[in-house]
Amino acid sequence: MGLSGARHVHTPLYPNIKLICIEYDSHIQDTNTIARDKPLTDVGRYQRLVGRLLYLTMTRVDISFAVQVLSQYMHAPKESHMEAELRLIRYIKSAPGLGLFMPSQSSELLTVYYDSDWGTYVQTRRSISGYLMKFGGALVSWK
């Protein structure tokens, strides 16, 4: 991948990033954007990286949303999708010690958070939602 000397980033994805699928490119008026964002030649590499990132989400909840976004484009990824994926890998490299932690002295309080973006997925206008559940201050479930 060639990321050994890459600069660190502080967020898994660019803020307010809007990735689009190849099928939606024909609806975009800006032809310069289409010319710059070509389909990937090595689709298998993108798919393998997403698979590895999906496995990593079992202990790295901070990347779950980013991996969910990237996994939507596995059938026909573009260069912008690979750039976003490489940014996510740089983020993981910048914070290798993050993970799940269960404190020994914790309460028995169950806390649940839920969030939805209410239809901002450009291609289908469907909502993307997620939740996280904490028991005694420790994360136990998320989507």
C-alpha atoms as a PDB file:
ATOM      1  CA  MET A   1       0.000   0.000   0.000  1.00  0.00           C
ATOM      2  CA  GLY A   2       2.935   2.332   0.567  1.00  0.00           C
ATOM      3  CA  LEU A   3       1.558   4.014   3.697  1.00  0.00           C
ATOM      4  CA  SER A   4       4.559   3.548   5.999  1.00  0.00           C
ATOM      5  CA  GLY A   5       5.489   7.240   5.832  1.00  0.00           C
ATOM      6  CA  ALA A   6       1.966   8.596   5.351  1.00  0.00           C
ATOM      7  CA  ARG A   7       0.855  11.586   7.371  1.00  0.00           C
ATOM      8  CA  HIS A   8      -1.588  10.953  10.199  1.00  0.00           C
ATOM      9  CA  VAL A   9      -5.243  11.971   9.982  1.00  0.00           C
ATOM     10  CA  HIS A  10      -7.657  12.665  12.827  1.00  0.00           C
ATOM     11  CA  THR A  11     -10.948  11.448  11.300  1.00  0.00           C
ATOM     12  CA  PRO A  12     -11.828   8.179   9.516  1.00  0.00           C
ATOM     13  CA  LEU A  13     -13.444   9.987   6.539  1.00  0.00           C
ATOM     14  CA  TYR A  14     -13.318  13.516   5.217  1.00  0.00           C
ATOM     15  CA  PRO A  15     -16.023  15.607   6.890  1.00  0.00           C
ATOM     16  CA  ASN A  16     -19.170  15.903   4.731  1.00  0.00           C
ATOM     17  CA  ILE A  17     -17.829  13.492   2.100  1.00  0.00           C
ATOM     18  CA  LYS A  18     -20.387  12.407  -0.507  1.00  0.00           C
ATOM     19  CA  LEU A  19     -19.292   9.292  -2.359  1.00  0.00           C
ATOM     20  CA  ILE A  20     -21.385   8.259  -5.346  1.00  0.00           C
ATOM     21  CA  CYS A  21     -21.682   5.059  -7.359  1.00  0.00           C
ATOM     22  CA  ILE A  22     -20.773   4.667 -11.021  1.00  0.00           C
ATOM     23  CA  GLU A  23     -24.418   4.322 -12.048  1.00  0.00           C
ATOM     24  CA  TYR A  24     -25.140   7.786 -10.634  1.00  0.00           C
ATOM     25  CA  ASP A  25     -22.294   9.492 -12.568  1.00  0.00           C
ATOM     26  CA  SER A  26     -24.495   9.971 -15.634  1.00  0.00           C
ATOM     27  CA  HIS A  27     -26.821  12.224 -13.596  1.00  0.00           C
ATOM     28  CA  ILE A  28     -24.061  14.620 -12.594  1.00  0.00           C
ATOM     29  CA  GLN A  29     -23.731  17.778 -14.662  1.00  0.00           C
ATOM     30  CA  ASP A  30     -20.049  18.490 -13.852  1.00  0.00           C
ATOM     31  CA  THR A  31     -18.108  16.487 -16.461  1.00  0.00           C
ATOM     32  CA  ASN A  32     -14.744  17.357 -14.883  1.00  0.00           C
ATOM     33  CA  THR A  33     -15.685  15.376 -11.771  1.00  0.00           C
ATOM     34  CA  ILE A  34     -16.585  12.348 -13.876  1.00  0.00           C
ATOM     35  CA  ALA A  35     -13.316  12.531 -15.813  1.00  0.00           C
ATOM     36  CA  ARG A  36     -11.251  12.618 -12.614  1.00  0.00           C
ATOM     37  CA  ASP A  37     -13.110   9.799 -10.859  1.00  0.00           C
ATOM     38  CA  LYS A  38     -12.524   6.679 -12.922  1.00  0.00           C
ATOM     39  CA  PRO A  39     -13.480   3.095 -12.047  1.00  0.00           C
ATOM     40  CA  LEU A  40     -10.777   1.110 -10.253  1.00  0.00           C
ATOM     41  CA  THR A  41      -8.834  -1.380 -12.324  1.00  0.00           C
ATOM     42  CA  ASP A  42      -8.116  -3.651  -9.328  1.00  0.00           C
ATOM     43  CA  VAL A  43     -11.570  -4.166  -7.806  1.00  0.00           C
ATOM     44  CA  GLY A  44     -10.363  -7.210  -5.849  1.00  0.00           C
ATOM     45  CA  ARG A  45      -7.871  -5.125  -3.853  1.00  0.00           C
ATOM     46  CA  TYR A  46     -10.620  -2.728  -2.773  1.00  0.00           C
ATOM     47  CA  GLN A  47     -12.900  -5.618  -1.819  1.00  0.00           C
ATOM     48  CA  ARG A  48     -10.170  -7.378   0.196  1.00  0.00           C
ATOM     49  CA  LEU A  49      -9.374  -4.180   2.100  1.00  0.00           C
ATOM     50  CA  VAL A  50     -13.055  -3.611   2.920  1.00  0.00           C
ATOM     51  CA  GLY A  51     -13.285  -7.209   4.137  1.00  0.00           C
ATOM     52  CA  ARG A  52     -10.305  -6.712   6.431  1.00  0.00           C
ATOM     53  CA  LEU A  53     -11.742  -3.454   7.703  1.00  0.00           C
ATOM     54  CA  LEU A  54     -15.088  -5.161   8.400  1.00  0.00           C
ATOM     55  CA  TYR A  55     -13.244  -7.712  10.538  1.00  0.00           C
ATOM     56  CA  LEU A  56     -11.446  -4.906  12.358  1.00  0.00           C
ATOM     57  CA  THR A  57     -14.753  -3.253  13.319  1.00  0.00           C
ATOM     58  CA  MET A  58     -15.280  -6.000  15.911  1.00  0.00           C
ATOM     59  CA  THR A  59     -12.836  -4.161  18.167  1.00  0.00           C
ATOM     60  CA  ARG A  60     -12.678  -0.698  16.571  1.00  0.00           C
ATOM     61  CA  VAL A  61     -16.143   0.827  16.829  1.00  0.00           C
ATOM     62  CA  ASP A  62     -14.730   4.208  15.771  1.00  0.00           C
ATOM     63  CA  ILE A  63     -14.367   2.998  12.168  1.00  0.00           C
ATOM     64  CA  SER A  64     -17.752   1.246  11.868  1.00  0.00           C
ATOM     65  CA  PHE A  65     -19.569   4.047  10.050  1.00  0.00           C
ATOM     66  CA  ALA A  66     -16.711   4.648   7.610  1.00  0.00           C
ATOM     67  CA  VAL A  67     -16.459   0.941   6.773  1.00  0.00           C
ATOM     68  CA  GLN A  68     -20.235   0.751   6.300  1.00  0.00           C
ATOM     69  CA  VAL A  69     -20.052   3.636   3.813  1.00  0.00           C
ATOM     70  CA  LEU A  70     -17.136   2.087   1.897  1.00  0.00           C
ATOM     71  CA  SER A  71     -18.791  -1.336   1.758  1.00  0.00           C
ATOM     72  CA  GLN A  72     -21.711   0.122  -0.242  1.00  0.00           C
ATOM     73  CA  TYR A  73     -19.426   0.460  -3.287  1.00  0.00           C
ATOM     74  CA  MET A  74     -17.825  -2.992  -3.368  1.00  0.00           C
ATOM     75  CA  HIS A  75     -19.531  -4.012  -6.633  1.00  0.00           C
ATOM     76  CA  ALA A  76     -17.949  -1.195  -8.704  1.00  0.00           C
ATOM     77  CA  PRO A  77     -15.521   0.992  -6.727  1.00  0.00           C
ATOM     78  CA  LYS A  78     -14.019   4.179  -8.130  1.00  0.00           C
ATOM     79  CA  GLU A  79     -10.765   6.007  -7.414  1.00  0.00           C
ATOM     80  CA  SER A  80     -12.500   8.288  -4.888  1.00  0.00           C
ATOM     81  CA  HIS A  81     -13.654   5.220  -2.945  1.00  0.00           C
ATOM     82  CA  MET A  82     -10.086   3.877  -2.807  1.00  0.00           C
ATOM     83  CA  GLU A  83      -8.814   7.286  -1.660  1.00  0.00           C
ATOM     84  CA  ALA A  84     -11.379   7.252   1.158  1.00  0.00           C
ATOM     85  CA  GLU A  85     -10.342   3.712   2.067  1.00  0.00           C
ATOM     86  CA  LEU A  86      -6.662   4.680   2.225  1.00  0.00           C
ATOM     87  CA  ARG A  87      -7.550   7.658   4.431  1.00  0.00           C
ATOM     88  CA  LEU A  88      -9.313   5.257   6.799  1.00  0.00           C
ATOM     89  CA  ILE A  89      -6.180   3.101   6.947  1.00  0.00           C
ATOM     90  CA  ARG A  90      -4.067   6.195   7.727  1.00  0.00           C
ATOM     91  CA  TYR A  91      -6.538   6.993  10.536  1.00  0.00           C
ATOM     92  CA  ILE A  92      -6.152   3.481  11.968  1.00  0.00           C
ATOM     93  CA  LYS A  93      -2.362   3.821  11.828  1.00  0.00           C
ATOM     94  CA  SER A  94      -2.536   7.137  13.688  1.00  0.00           C
ATOM     95  CA  ALA A  95      -4.430   5.618  16.650  1.00  0.00           C
ATOM     96  CA  PRO A  96      -3.322   1.978  17.011  1.00  0.00           C
ATOM     97  CA  GLY A  97      -4.171   1.732  20.717  1.00  0.00           C
ATOM     98  CA  LEU A  98      -7.880   2.445  20.402  1.00  0.00           C
ATOM     99  CA  GLY A  99     -10.210  -0.452  21.103  1.00  0.00           C
ATOM    100  CA  LEU A 100     -12.808  -1.814  23.497  1.00  0.00           C
ATOM    101  CA  PHE A 101     -12.293  -1.427  27.234  1.00  0.00           C
ATOM    102  CA  MET A 102     -14.320  -2.853  30.126  1.00  0.00           C
ATOM    103  CA  PRO A 103     -13.583  -1.074  33.413  1.00  0.00           C
ATOM    104  CA  SER A 104     -13.468  -3.294  36.486  1.00  0.00           C
ATOM    105  CA  GLN A 105     -15.312  -0.783  38.684  1.00  0.00           C
ATOM    106  CA  SER A 106     -18.447   0.076  36.727  1.00  0.00           C
ATOM    107  CA  SER A 107     -22.136   0.580  37.395  1.00  0.00           C
ATOM    108  CA  GLU A 108     -24.920  -1.607  36.029  1.00  0.00           C
ATOM    109  CA  LEU A 109     -26.402   1.230  33.985  1.00  0.00           C
ATOM    110  CA  LEU A 110     -27.517   0.398  30.427  1.00  0.00           C
ATOM    111  CA  THR A 111     -27.229   3.347  28.003  1.00  0.00           C
ATOM    112  CA  VAL A 112     -28.323   3.288  24.351  1.00  0.00           C
ATOM    113  CA  TYR A 113     -27.665   5.931  21.670  1.00  0.00           C
ATOM    114  CA  TYR A 114     -29.294   5.941  18.224  1.00  0.00           C
ATOM    115  CA  ASP A 115     -28.687   8.191  15.219  1.00  0.00           C
ATOM    116  CA  SER A 116     -29.995   8.486  11.662  1.00  0.00           C
ATOM    117  CA  ASP A 117     -29.153  10.849   8.820  1.00  0.00           C
ATOM    118  CA  TRP A 118     -32.716  10.965   7.438  1.00  0.00           C
ATOM    119  CA  GLY A 119     -32.310  10.208   3.749  1.00  0.00           C
ATOM    120  CA  THR A 120     -29.032  11.842   2.812  1.00  0.00           C
ATOM    121  CA  TYR A 121     -27.784   8.836   0.816  1.00  0.00           C
ATOM    122  CA  VAL A 122     -27.791  10.539  -2.597  1.00  0.00           C
ATOM    123  CA  GLN A 123     -28.542   7.581  -4.862  1.00  0.00           C
ATOM    124  CA  THR A 124     -31.611   6.156  -3.097  1.00  0.00           C
ATOM    125  CA  ARG A 125     -32.602   8.827  -0.550  1.00  0.00           C
ATOM    126  CA  ARG A 126     -32.616   6.144   2.130  1.00  0.00           C
ATOM    127  CA  SER A 127     -31.533   6.839   5.663  1.00  0.00           C
ATOM    128  CA  ILE A 128     -28.396   5.431   7.202  1.00  0.00           C
ATOM    129  CA  SER A 129     -28.757   4.696  10.891  1.00  0.00           C
ATOM    130  CA  GLY A 130     -26.701   3.263  13.679  1.00  0.00           C
ATOM    131  CA  TYR A 131     -26.745   2.636  17.396  1.00  0.00           C
ATOM    132  CA  LEU A 132     -24.441   1.872  20.265  1.00  0.00           C
ATOM    133  CA  MET A 133     -25.194   0.228  23.581  1.00  0.00           C
ATOM    134  CA  LYS A 134     -23.108   0.625  26.721  1.00  0.00           C
ATOM    135  CA  PHE A 135     -23.361  -1.402  29.898  1.00  0.00           C
ATOM    136  CA  GLY A 136     -21.593   0.039  32.903  1.00  0.00           C
ATOM    137  CA  GLY A 137     -19.725   2.493  30.697  1.00  0.00           C
ATOM    138  CA  ALA A 138     -18.327  -0.227  28.415  1.00  0.00           C
ATOM    139  CA  LEU A 139     -19.423  -0.638  24.823  1.00  0.00           C
ATOM    140  CA  VAL A 140     -21.211  -3.971  24.303  1.00  0.00           C
ATOM    141  CA  SER A 141     -23.091  -3.615  20.996  1.00  0.00           C
ATOM    142  CA  TRP A 142     -23.153  -1.310  17.968  1.00  0.00           C
ATOM    143  CA  LYS A 143     -24.183  -1.041  14.344  1.00  0.00           C
END
